[in-house]
């Protein structure tokens, strides 16, 4: 039921911090671990995923504009991708500036991913997607496609992705796998 689902969510959140806190005894540089831990604490929180979900729930059934929709996407979807990418960068020894670039890459990926999700909600089948299609419209949610149209949404997925790749290419490291993964997201069908 709902009560156990809420408790399970609370327990998993605490368990994530319990698990992550063990890194302090494993890592030689506790400042680096502390920075990663801080990212883990903030990105999913009220200024990240949870805040985005609150806005999404609050604005369901209301006519919102593109700026409000992007606010939801940045917090709800991008924050989690930013979180995982930034933690990896910090623990790998990236500078503050490099970590900020990685954050921007994550933000663009998250927005592109969510726009593509909105596209698939219109163009895919339940069998292909693995979840009901058309559910956003049924729930009264404004989507990127409903605001900008299908063709413009497709162009914007590519534009956000290419901007992320440009930022990735600006870093002093080559990451062929991540570059290919980003390109594959443009035309993902699930």
N, C-alpha and C. Protein backbone atom coordinates (compact mmCIF):
# COMPACT_ATOMS: atom_id res chain seq x y z
N UNK A 1 0.81 -1.19 0.00
CA UNK A 1 0.00 0.00 0.00
C UNK A 1 0.85 1.25 0.00
N UNK A 2 0.19 2.38 0.02
CA UNK A 2 0.88 3.67 -0.04
C UNK A 2 1.79 3.89 1.17
N UNK A 3 1.32 3.51 2.36
CA UNK A 3 2.13 3.73 3.56
C UNK A 3 3.45 2.97 3.50
N UNK A 4 3.41 1.73 3.05
CA UNK A 4 4.64 0.94 2.95
C UNK A 4 5.54 1.45 1.82
N UNK A 5 4.93 1.96 0.76
CA UNK A 5 5.72 2.51 -0.34
C UNK A 5 6.49 3.75 0.13
N UNK A 6 5.85 4.59 0.91
CA UNK A 6 6.52 5.79 1.44
C UNK A 6 7.66 5.37 2.38
N UNK A 7 7.38 4.42 3.26
CA UNK A 7 8.41 3.95 4.18
C UNK A 7 9.57 3.29 3.43
N UNK A 8 9.27 2.55 2.39
CA UNK A 8 10.32 1.91 1.59
C UNK A 8 11.19 2.98 0.93
N UNK A 9 10.56 4.03 0.41
CA UNK A 9 11.31 5.13 -0.20
C UNK A 9 12.21 5.81 0.82
N UNK A 10 11.67 6.06 2.01
CA UNK A 10 12.48 6.67 3.08
C UNK A 10 13.66 5.76 3.45
N UNK A 11 13.39 4.47 3.57
CA UNK A 11 14.45 3.52 3.94
C UNK A 11 15.53 3.46 2.87
N UNK A 12 15.13 3.43 1.60
CA UNK A 12 16.12 3.37 0.51
C UNK A 12 16.96 4.64 0.45
N UNK A 13 16.35 5.78 0.70
CA UNK A 13 17.09 7.03 0.70
C UNK A 13 18.15 7.00 1.80
N UNK A 14 17.75 6.60 3.00
CA UNK A 14 18.72 6.51 4.10
C UNK A 14 19.80 5.47 3.81
N UNK A 15 19.41 4.37 3.20
CA UNK A 15 20.38 3.32 2.88
C UNK A 15 21.42 3.82 1.87
N UNK A 16 20.98 4.68 0.95
CA UNK A 16 21.92 5.26 -0.02
C UNK A 16 22.99 6.06 0.71
N UNK A 17 22.58 6.86 1.68
CA UNK A 17 23.56 7.66 2.43
C UNK A 17 24.43 6.77 3.32
N UNK A 18 23.84 5.74 3.88
CA UNK A 18 24.62 4.80 4.69
C UNK A 18 25.71 4.15 3.83
N UNK A 19 25.33 3.73 2.64
CA UNK A 19 26.28 3.10 1.72
C UNK A 19 27.35 4.10 1.28
N UNK A 20 26.92 5.29 0.88
CA UNK A 20 27.87 6.29 0.40
C UNK A 20 28.82 6.75 1.50
N UNK A 21 28.37 6.80 2.73
CA UNK A 21 29.24 7.26 3.82
C UNK A 21 30.42 6.32 4.06
N UNK A 22 30.31 5.09 3.62
CA UNK A 22 31.41 4.13 3.77
C UNK A 22 32.62 4.54 2.93
N UNK A 23 32.40 5.38 1.93
CA UNK A 23 33.50 5.83 1.08
C UNK A 23 34.52 6.65 1.85
N UNK A 24 34.09 7.29 2.95
CA UNK A 24 35.04 8.08 3.73
C UNK A 24 36.18 7.22 4.27
N UNK A 25 35.90 5.96 4.58
CA UNK A 25 36.96 5.09 5.10
C UNK A 25 37.74 4.40 3.97
N UNK A 26 37.25 4.50 2.75
CA UNK A 26 37.89 3.82 1.63
C UNK A 26 38.75 4.78 0.80
N UNK A 27 38.40 6.03 0.78
CA UNK A 27 39.05 7.02 -0.08
C UNK A 27 40.20 7.69 0.68
N UNK A 28 41.31 7.90 -0.01
CA UNK A 28 42.47 8.54 0.60
C UNK A 28 42.26 10.04 0.80
N UNK A 29 41.38 10.63 0.00
CA UNK A 29 41.14 12.07 0.08
C UNK A 29 39.73 12.32 0.59
N UNK A 30 39.57 12.53 1.91
CA UNK A 30 38.22 12.72 2.45
C UNK A 30 37.53 13.97 1.92
N UNK A 31 38.28 14.99 1.49
CA UNK A 31 37.65 16.18 0.92
C UNK A 31 36.94 15.84 -0.39
N UNK A 32 37.57 15.00 -1.18
CA UNK A 32 36.96 14.56 -2.44
C UNK A 32 35.68 13.76 -2.15
N UNK A 33 35.76 12.88 -1.19
CA UNK A 33 34.60 12.08 -0.80
C UNK A 33 33.49 12.98 -0.26
N UNK A 34 33.88 13.97 0.53
CA UNK A 34 32.89 14.91 1.07
C UNK A 34 32.18 15.68 -0.03
N UNK A 35 32.93 16.09 -1.04
CA UNK A 35 32.33 16.82 -2.19
C UNK A 35 31.35 15.91 -2.93
N UNK A 36 31.73 14.67 -3.15
CA UNK A 36 30.84 13.71 -3.83
C UNK A 36 29.59 13.47 -2.98
N UNK A 37 29.78 13.35 -1.68
CA UNK A 37 28.67 13.12 -0.77
C UNK A 37 27.71 14.31 -0.79
N UNK A 38 28.26 15.51 -0.86
CA UNK A 38 27.44 16.72 -0.92
C UNK A 38 26.58 16.74 -2.19
N UNK A 39 27.17 16.33 -3.30
CA UNK A 39 26.42 16.26 -4.56
C UNK A 39 25.29 15.24 -4.43
N UNK A 40 25.60 14.08 -3.84
CA UNK A 40 24.58 13.05 -3.64
C UNK A 40 23.44 13.56 -2.76
N UNK A 41 23.76 14.38 -1.79
CA UNK A 41 22.73 14.89 -0.88
C UNK A 41 21.87 15.97 -1.53
N UNK A 42 22.44 16.76 -2.44
CA UNK A 42 21.69 17.90 -2.97
C UNK A 42 20.91 17.63 -4.25
N UNK A 43 21.49 16.93 -5.20
CA UNK A 43 20.85 16.78 -6.50
C UNK A 43 19.49 16.05 -6.44
N UNK A 44 19.34 15.01 -5.65
CA UNK A 44 18.02 14.37 -5.59
C UNK A 44 17.02 15.12 -4.68
N UNK A 45 17.46 16.11 -3.93
CA UNK A 45 16.64 16.76 -2.91
C UNK A 45 15.66 17.79 -3.42
N UNK A 46 15.36 18.76 -2.54
CA UNK A 46 14.32 19.74 -2.85
C UNK A 46 14.70 20.67 -4.00
N UNK A 47 16.00 20.85 -4.22
CA UNK A 47 16.45 21.68 -5.34
C UNK A 47 16.81 20.83 -6.54
N UNK A 48 16.40 19.57 -6.52
CA UNK A 48 16.68 18.64 -7.60
C UNK A 48 15.46 17.80 -7.91
N UNK A 49 15.64 16.47 -7.93
CA UNK A 49 14.59 15.56 -8.36
C UNK A 49 13.29 15.70 -7.57
N UNK A 50 13.38 15.75 -6.26
CA UNK A 50 12.16 15.84 -5.46
C UNK A 50 11.45 17.16 -5.73
N UNK A 51 12.21 18.25 -5.81
CA UNK A 51 11.61 19.54 -6.14
C UNK A 51 10.94 19.53 -7.50
N UNK A 52 11.57 18.91 -8.47
CA UNK A 52 10.98 18.79 -9.81
C UNK A 52 9.72 17.96 -9.80
N UNK A 53 9.73 16.89 -9.02
CA UNK A 53 8.54 16.05 -8.93
C UNK A 53 7.38 16.81 -8.27
N UNK A 54 7.71 17.61 -7.25
CA UNK A 54 6.69 18.43 -6.59
C UNK A 54 6.06 19.39 -7.60
N UNK A 55 6.89 20.07 -8.40
CA UNK A 55 6.37 20.99 -9.41
C UNK A 55 5.54 20.25 -10.44
N UNK A 56 6.00 19.07 -10.85
CA UNK A 56 5.27 18.26 -11.82
C UNK A 56 3.88 17.90 -11.29
N UNK A 57 3.82 17.45 -10.07
CA UNK A 57 2.54 17.08 -9.46
C UNK A 57 1.65 18.32 -9.30
N UNK A 58 2.25 19.40 -8.82
CA UNK A 58 1.49 20.63 -8.58
C UNK A 58 0.90 21.20 -9.86
N UNK A 59 1.65 21.11 -10.97
CA UNK A 59 1.20 21.72 -12.22
C UNK A 59 0.44 20.75 -13.12
N UNK A 60 0.28 19.50 -12.72
CA UNK A 60 -0.51 18.56 -13.54
C UNK A 60 -1.94 19.08 -13.65
N UNK A 61 -2.44 19.07 -14.88
CA UNK A 61 -3.80 19.55 -15.13
C UNK A 61 -3.87 21.04 -15.37
N UNK A 62 -2.74 21.73 -15.28
CA UNK A 62 -2.70 23.17 -15.52
C UNK A 62 -1.93 23.45 -16.81
N UNK A 63 -2.26 24.55 -17.44
CA UNK A 63 -1.53 24.95 -18.64
C UNK A 63 -0.26 25.65 -18.19
N UNK A 64 0.90 25.05 -18.48
CA UNK A 64 2.17 25.67 -18.12
C UNK A 64 2.91 26.06 -19.39
N UNK A 65 3.89 26.93 -19.24
CA UNK A 65 4.65 27.38 -20.41
C UNK A 65 5.96 26.59 -20.52
N UNK A 66 6.71 26.87 -21.56
CA UNK A 66 7.95 26.14 -21.83
C UNK A 66 8.96 26.32 -20.70
N UNK A 67 9.06 27.53 -20.18
CA UNK A 67 10.00 27.79 -19.09
C UNK A 67 9.68 26.92 -17.86
N UNK A 68 8.41 26.80 -17.53
CA UNK A 68 8.01 25.96 -16.39
C UNK A 68 8.28 24.49 -16.67
N UNK A 69 8.02 24.06 -17.90
CA UNK A 69 8.26 22.66 -18.26
C UNK A 69 9.76 22.34 -18.19
N UNK A 70 10.59 23.24 -18.70
CA UNK A 70 12.04 23.02 -18.63
C UNK A 70 12.53 23.04 -17.18
N UNK A 71 11.90 23.83 -16.33
CA UNK A 71 12.21 23.83 -14.90
C UNK A 71 11.99 22.42 -14.33
N UNK A 72 10.86 21.83 -14.66
CA UNK A 72 10.56 20.46 -14.20
C UNK A 72 11.59 19.49 -14.75
N UNK A 73 11.86 19.56 -16.04
CA UNK A 73 12.81 18.63 -16.67
C UNK A 73 14.21 18.76 -16.06
N UNK A 74 14.65 20.00 -15.83
CA UNK A 74 15.99 20.22 -15.27
C UNK A 74 16.10 19.62 -13.88
N UNK A 75 15.07 19.78 -13.09
CA UNK A 75 15.13 19.26 -11.73
C UNK A 75 14.84 17.77 -11.68
N UNK A 76 13.77 17.37 -12.32
CA UNK A 76 13.30 15.99 -12.18
C UNK A 76 14.20 14.99 -12.89
N UNK A 77 14.61 15.28 -14.09
CA UNK A 77 15.39 14.33 -14.88
C UNK A 77 16.87 14.68 -14.90
N UNK A 78 17.19 15.91 -15.23
CA UNK A 78 18.60 16.29 -15.36
C UNK A 78 19.37 16.16 -14.06
N UNK A 79 18.75 16.49 -12.94
CA UNK A 79 19.48 16.47 -11.66
C UNK A 79 20.06 15.10 -11.35
N UNK A 80 19.34 14.04 -11.67
CA UNK A 80 19.86 12.70 -11.39
C UNK A 80 21.02 12.34 -12.29
N UNK A 81 20.94 12.75 -13.55
CA UNK A 81 22.04 12.47 -14.47
C UNK A 81 23.25 13.33 -14.09
N UNK A 82 23.00 14.60 -13.76
CA UNK A 82 24.07 15.47 -13.29
C UNK A 82 24.75 14.86 -12.07
N UNK A 83 23.95 14.36 -11.14
CA UNK A 83 24.46 13.79 -9.90
C UNK A 83 25.44 12.66 -10.17
N UNK A 84 25.01 11.70 -10.95
CA UNK A 84 25.88 10.54 -11.19
C UNK A 84 27.13 10.92 -11.96
N UNK A 85 26.99 11.81 -12.92
CA UNK A 85 28.16 12.21 -13.71
C UNK A 85 29.13 13.05 -12.88
N UNK A 86 28.59 13.95 -12.06
CA UNK A 86 29.44 14.81 -11.24
C UNK A 86 30.18 14.01 -10.18
N UNK A 87 29.51 13.07 -9.56
CA UNK A 87 30.16 12.24 -8.54
C UNK A 87 31.31 11.47 -9.18
N UNK A 88 31.08 10.91 -10.35
CA UNK A 88 32.15 10.21 -11.05
C UNK A 88 33.31 11.13 -11.36
N UNK A 89 33.01 12.33 -11.80
CA UNK A 89 34.06 13.30 -12.13
C UNK A 89 34.86 13.68 -10.89
N UNK A 90 34.16 13.98 -9.80
CA UNK A 90 34.83 14.38 -8.56
C UNK A 90 35.73 13.27 -8.06
N UNK A 91 35.20 12.06 -8.01
CA UNK A 91 35.99 10.93 -7.49
C UNK A 91 37.16 10.58 -8.41
N UNK A 92 37.05 10.93 -9.69
CA UNK A 92 38.15 10.68 -10.62
C UNK A 92 39.20 11.79 -10.58
N UNK A 93 38.92 12.84 -9.79
CA UNK A 93 39.90 13.91 -9.63
C UNK A 93 39.71 15.10 -10.54
N UNK A 94 38.53 15.27 -11.11
CA UNK A 94 38.27 16.42 -11.99
C UNK A 94 38.36 17.71 -11.19
N UNK A 95 38.80 18.76 -11.85
CA UNK A 95 38.86 20.08 -11.21
C UNK A 95 37.43 20.62 -11.03
N UNK A 96 37.32 21.70 -10.29
CA UNK A 96 36.02 22.35 -10.08
C UNK A 96 35.42 22.78 -11.43
N UNK A 97 36.26 23.36 -12.28
CA UNK A 97 35.80 23.82 -13.60
C UNK A 97 35.33 22.63 -14.45
N UNK A 98 36.09 21.56 -14.45
CA UNK A 98 35.72 20.36 -15.21
C UNK A 98 34.42 19.76 -14.68
N UNK A 99 34.25 19.78 -13.37
CA UNK A 99 33.03 19.25 -12.76
C UNK A 99 31.82 20.08 -13.17
N UNK A 100 32.01 21.39 -13.28
CA UNK A 100 30.91 22.26 -13.73
C UNK A 100 30.55 21.95 -15.19
N UNK A 101 31.53 21.68 -16.01
CA UNK A 101 31.25 21.30 -17.41
C UNK A 101 30.49 19.97 -17.44
N UNK A 102 30.90 19.03 -16.61
CA UNK A 102 30.21 17.74 -16.53
C UNK A 102 28.76 17.95 -16.07
N UNK A 103 28.55 18.88 -15.14
CA UNK A 103 27.19 19.20 -14.69
C UNK A 103 26.35 19.72 -15.86
N UNK A 104 26.93 20.60 -16.67
CA UNK A 104 26.23 21.14 -17.84
C UNK A 104 25.92 20.04 -18.85
N UNK A 105 26.86 19.12 -19.03
CA UNK A 105 26.62 17.99 -19.93
C UNK A 105 25.42 17.18 -19.42
N UNK A 106 25.43 16.88 -18.13
CA UNK A 106 24.33 16.13 -17.52
C UNK A 106 22.99 16.83 -17.68
N UNK A 107 23.01 18.16 -17.51
CA UNK A 107 21.77 18.94 -17.66
C UNK A 107 21.22 18.80 -19.08
N UNK A 108 22.10 18.95 -20.08
CA UNK A 108 21.65 18.83 -21.46
C UNK A 108 21.17 17.42 -21.78
N UNK A 109 21.89 16.44 -21.28
CA UNK A 109 21.46 15.05 -21.51
C UNK A 109 20.09 14.81 -20.90
N UNK A 110 19.89 15.30 -19.68
CA UNK A 110 18.61 15.11 -19.01
C UNK A 110 17.45 15.75 -19.76
N UNK A 111 17.68 16.97 -20.25
CA UNK A 111 16.62 17.65 -21.01
C UNK A 111 16.34 16.90 -22.30
N UNK A 112 17.41 16.53 -23.02
CA UNK A 112 17.23 15.78 -24.27
C UNK A 112 16.51 14.46 -24.01
N UNK A 113 16.91 13.78 -22.95
CA UNK A 113 16.28 12.49 -22.60
C UNK A 113 14.79 12.68 -22.33
N UNK A 114 14.43 13.72 -21.59
CA UNK A 114 13.03 13.94 -21.24
C UNK A 114 12.21 14.37 -22.45
N UNK A 115 12.80 15.19 -23.33
CA UNK A 115 12.08 15.56 -24.55
C UNK A 115 11.83 14.31 -25.39
N UNK A 116 12.85 13.45 -25.51
CA UNK A 116 12.68 12.21 -26.26
C UNK A 116 11.62 11.34 -25.62
N UNK A 117 11.56 11.34 -24.30
CA UNK A 117 10.52 10.59 -23.59
C UNK A 117 9.14 11.12 -23.96
N UNK A 118 9.01 12.44 -24.04
CA UNK A 118 7.74 13.06 -24.45
C UNK A 118 7.39 12.68 -25.89
N UNK A 119 8.40 12.63 -26.75
CA UNK A 119 8.18 12.22 -28.14
C UNK A 119 7.69 10.78 -28.19
N UNK A 120 8.35 9.90 -27.45
CA UNK A 120 7.98 8.49 -27.45
C UNK A 120 6.59 8.26 -26.89
N UNK A 121 6.16 9.11 -25.97
CA UNK A 121 4.81 8.99 -25.41
C UNK A 121 3.75 9.22 -26.48
N UNK A 122 4.14 9.88 -27.57
CA UNK A 122 3.23 10.16 -28.67
C UNK A 122 3.43 9.19 -29.83
N UNK A 123 4.67 8.80 -30.10
CA UNK A 123 4.97 8.06 -31.33
C UNK A 123 5.19 6.56 -31.15
N UNK A 124 5.39 6.10 -29.94
CA UNK A 124 5.74 4.71 -29.71
C UNK A 124 4.50 3.87 -29.41
N UNK A 125 4.73 2.59 -29.21
CA UNK A 125 3.67 1.69 -28.78
C UNK A 125 3.98 1.22 -27.37
N UNK A 126 2.98 0.77 -26.68
CA UNK A 126 3.17 0.24 -25.33
C UNK A 126 4.15 -0.91 -25.34
N UNK A 127 4.08 -1.75 -26.36
CA UNK A 127 4.98 -2.90 -26.46
C UNK A 127 6.44 -2.45 -26.63
N UNK A 128 6.67 -1.47 -27.50
CA UNK A 128 8.03 -0.96 -27.71
C UNK A 128 8.57 -0.25 -26.47
N UNK A 129 7.73 0.57 -25.87
CA UNK A 129 8.17 1.44 -24.78
C UNK A 129 8.22 0.71 -23.44
N UNK A 130 7.40 -0.31 -23.29
CA UNK A 130 7.38 -1.04 -22.02
C UNK A 130 6.56 -0.34 -20.95
N UNK A 131 5.85 0.69 -21.33
CA UNK A 131 4.94 1.40 -20.42
C UNK A 131 3.82 1.99 -21.29
N UNK A 132 2.71 2.34 -20.68
CA UNK A 132 1.60 2.87 -21.48
C UNK A 132 1.97 4.16 -22.22
N UNK A 133 1.62 4.23 -23.49
CA UNK A 133 1.84 5.46 -24.25
C UNK A 133 0.60 6.34 -24.11
N UNK A 134 0.79 7.64 -24.32
CA UNK A 134 -0.31 8.58 -24.18
C UNK A 134 -0.67 8.88 -22.75
N UNK A 135 0.12 8.41 -21.80
CA UNK A 135 -0.22 8.58 -20.39
C UNK A 135 -0.08 10.03 -19.94
N UNK A 136 0.85 10.78 -20.54
CA UNK A 136 1.00 12.18 -20.17
C UNK A 136 -0.27 12.97 -20.47
N UNK A 137 -0.81 12.75 -21.65
CA UNK A 137 -2.04 13.45 -22.05
C UNK A 137 -3.21 13.03 -21.15
N UNK A 138 -3.30 11.74 -20.87
CA UNK A 138 -4.37 11.24 -20.00
C UNK A 138 -4.29 11.86 -18.61
N UNK A 139 -3.07 12.09 -18.13
CA UNK A 139 -2.89 12.66 -16.80
C UNK A 139 -2.98 14.19 -16.79
N UNK A 140 -3.21 14.78 -17.94
CA UNK A 140 -3.33 16.23 -18.02
C UNK A 140 -2.00 16.95 -17.92
N UNK A 141 -0.92 16.30 -18.36
CA UNK A 141 0.41 16.91 -18.29
C UNK A 141 0.75 17.60 -19.61
N UNK A 142 1.29 18.79 -19.49
CA UNK A 142 1.81 19.49 -20.65
C UNK A 142 3.17 18.86 -20.96
N UNK A 143 3.42 18.60 -22.23
CA UNK A 143 4.69 18.00 -22.64
C UNK A 143 5.41 18.93 -23.62
N UNK A 144 6.65 18.62 -23.86
CA UNK A 144 7.44 19.38 -24.82
C UNK A 144 6.79 19.32 -26.20
N UNK A 145 6.29 18.15 -26.56
CA UNK A 145 5.65 17.97 -27.87
C UNK A 145 4.37 18.80 -27.96
N UNK A 146 3.60 18.84 -26.88
CA UNK A 146 2.35 19.61 -26.93
C UNK A 146 2.63 21.12 -27.01
N UNK A 147 3.78 21.56 -26.53
CA UNK A 147 4.12 22.98 -26.59
C UNK A 147 4.81 23.38 -27.89
N UNK A 148 5.71 22.52 -28.39
CA UNK A 148 6.53 22.91 -29.54
C UNK A 148 6.28 22.09 -30.80
N UNK A 149 5.51 21.02 -30.69
CA UNK A 149 5.26 20.18 -31.84
C UNK A 149 6.32 19.09 -31.98
N UNK A 150 5.95 18.04 -32.70
CA UNK A 150 6.80 16.86 -32.82
C UNK A 150 8.13 17.15 -33.53
N UNK A 151 8.07 17.83 -34.66
CA UNK A 151 9.30 18.07 -35.43
C UNK A 151 10.26 18.99 -34.68
N UNK A 152 9.75 20.03 -34.06
CA UNK A 152 10.60 20.93 -33.30
C UNK A 152 11.21 20.21 -32.09
N UNK A 153 10.42 19.34 -31.47
CA UNK A 153 10.93 18.56 -30.33
C UNK A 153 12.09 17.66 -30.77
N UNK A 154 11.95 17.02 -31.92
CA UNK A 154 13.03 16.17 -32.43
C UNK A 154 14.30 16.98 -32.68
N UNK A 155 14.14 18.17 -33.26
CA UNK A 155 15.30 19.04 -33.51
C UNK A 155 15.96 19.44 -32.19
N UNK A 156 15.14 19.72 -31.18
CA UNK A 156 15.68 20.15 -29.90
C UNK A 156 16.40 19.02 -29.17
N UNK A 157 15.93 17.79 -29.32
CA UNK A 157 16.66 16.64 -28.74
C UNK A 157 18.07 16.61 -29.32
N UNK A 158 18.15 16.75 -30.62
CA UNK A 158 19.46 16.73 -31.27
C UNK A 158 20.31 17.92 -30.84
N UNK A 159 19.71 19.10 -30.75
CA UNK A 159 20.47 20.31 -30.38
C UNK A 159 21.02 20.19 -28.95
N UNK A 160 20.19 19.76 -28.01
CA UNK A 160 20.68 19.60 -26.63
C UNK A 160 21.77 18.53 -26.57
N UNK A 161 21.59 17.47 -27.32
CA UNK A 161 22.59 16.39 -27.32
C UNK A 161 23.91 16.86 -27.92
N UNK A 162 23.83 17.58 -29.03
CA UNK A 162 25.05 18.06 -29.68
C UNK A 162 25.77 19.09 -28.81
N UNK A 163 25.01 19.89 -28.07
CA UNK A 163 25.63 20.83 -27.13
C UNK A 163 26.36 20.06 -26.03
N UNK A 164 25.74 18.98 -25.53
CA UNK A 164 26.39 18.14 -24.52
C UNK A 164 27.68 17.53 -25.07
N UNK A 165 27.63 17.06 -26.30
CA UNK A 165 28.82 16.46 -26.93
C UNK A 165 29.91 17.51 -27.12
N UNK A 166 29.52 18.71 -27.50
CA UNK A 166 30.49 19.80 -27.63
C UNK A 166 31.19 20.07 -26.30
N UNK A 167 30.44 20.08 -25.23
CA UNK A 167 31.03 20.29 -23.90
C UNK A 167 31.92 19.10 -23.52
N UNK A 168 31.47 17.88 -23.84
CA UNK A 168 32.26 16.69 -23.56
C UNK A 168 33.59 16.76 -24.31
N UNK A 169 33.53 17.18 -25.56
CA UNK A 169 34.74 17.28 -26.38
C UNK A 169 35.68 18.39 -25.88
N UNK A 170 35.16 19.35 -25.11
CA UNK A 170 36.00 20.43 -24.59
C UNK A 170 36.85 19.99 -23.40
N UNK A 171 36.51 18.86 -22.82
CA UNK A 171 37.28 18.35 -21.68
C UNK A 171 38.59 17.73 -22.16
N UNK A 172 39.61 17.73 -21.33
CA UNK A 172 40.91 17.22 -21.76
C UNK A 172 41.02 15.69 -21.73
N UNK A 173 39.90 15.00 -21.79
CA UNK A 173 39.89 13.55 -21.79
C UNK A 173 39.06 13.08 -22.97
N UNK A 174 39.39 11.94 -23.49
CA UNK A 174 38.57 11.36 -24.56
C UNK A 174 37.70 10.28 -23.96
N UNK A 175 36.41 10.35 -24.23
CA UNK A 175 35.49 9.34 -23.71
C UNK A 175 34.59 8.90 -24.86
N UNK A 176 35.10 7.99 -25.65
CA UNK A 176 34.39 7.51 -26.84
C UNK A 176 33.08 6.84 -26.47
N UNK A 177 33.07 6.05 -25.41
CA UNK A 177 31.84 5.36 -25.01
C UNK A 177 30.74 6.37 -24.68
N UNK A 178 31.06 7.38 -23.86
CA UNK A 178 30.04 8.36 -23.48
C UNK A 178 29.56 9.14 -24.70
N UNK A 179 30.47 9.47 -25.59
CA UNK A 179 30.10 10.19 -26.82
C UNK A 179 29.11 9.36 -27.65
N UNK A 180 29.40 8.08 -27.82
CA UNK A 180 28.51 7.20 -28.58
C UNK A 180 27.17 7.01 -27.87
N UNK A 181 27.20 6.92 -26.55
CA UNK A 181 25.96 6.80 -25.79
C UNK A 181 25.08 8.03 -25.99
N UNK A 182 25.68 9.21 -25.93
CA UNK A 182 24.91 10.44 -26.14
C UNK A 182 24.30 10.47 -27.52
N UNK A 183 25.06 10.10 -28.53
CA UNK A 183 24.52 10.09 -29.89
C UNK A 183 23.37 9.09 -30.02
N UNK A 184 23.47 7.96 -29.33
CA UNK A 184 22.39 6.96 -29.42
C UNK A 184 21.10 7.44 -28.77
N UNK A 185 21.20 8.37 -27.85
CA UNK A 185 20.00 8.88 -27.18
C UNK A 185 19.12 9.71 -28.11
N UNK A 186 19.72 10.28 -29.16
CA UNK A 186 18.95 11.11 -30.08
C UNK A 186 17.82 10.31 -30.72
N UNK A 187 18.11 9.06 -31.05
CA UNK A 187 17.13 8.26 -31.78
C UNK A 187 16.65 7.04 -30.97
N UNK A 188 16.77 7.12 -29.64
CA UNK A 188 16.34 5.99 -28.82
C UNK A 188 14.84 5.78 -29.01
N UNK A 189 14.42 4.53 -28.90
CA UNK A 189 12.99 4.23 -29.09
C UNK A 189 12.38 3.55 -27.86
N UNK A 190 13.07 3.62 -26.77
CA UNK A 190 12.50 3.15 -25.50
C UNK A 190 13.07 3.92 -24.35
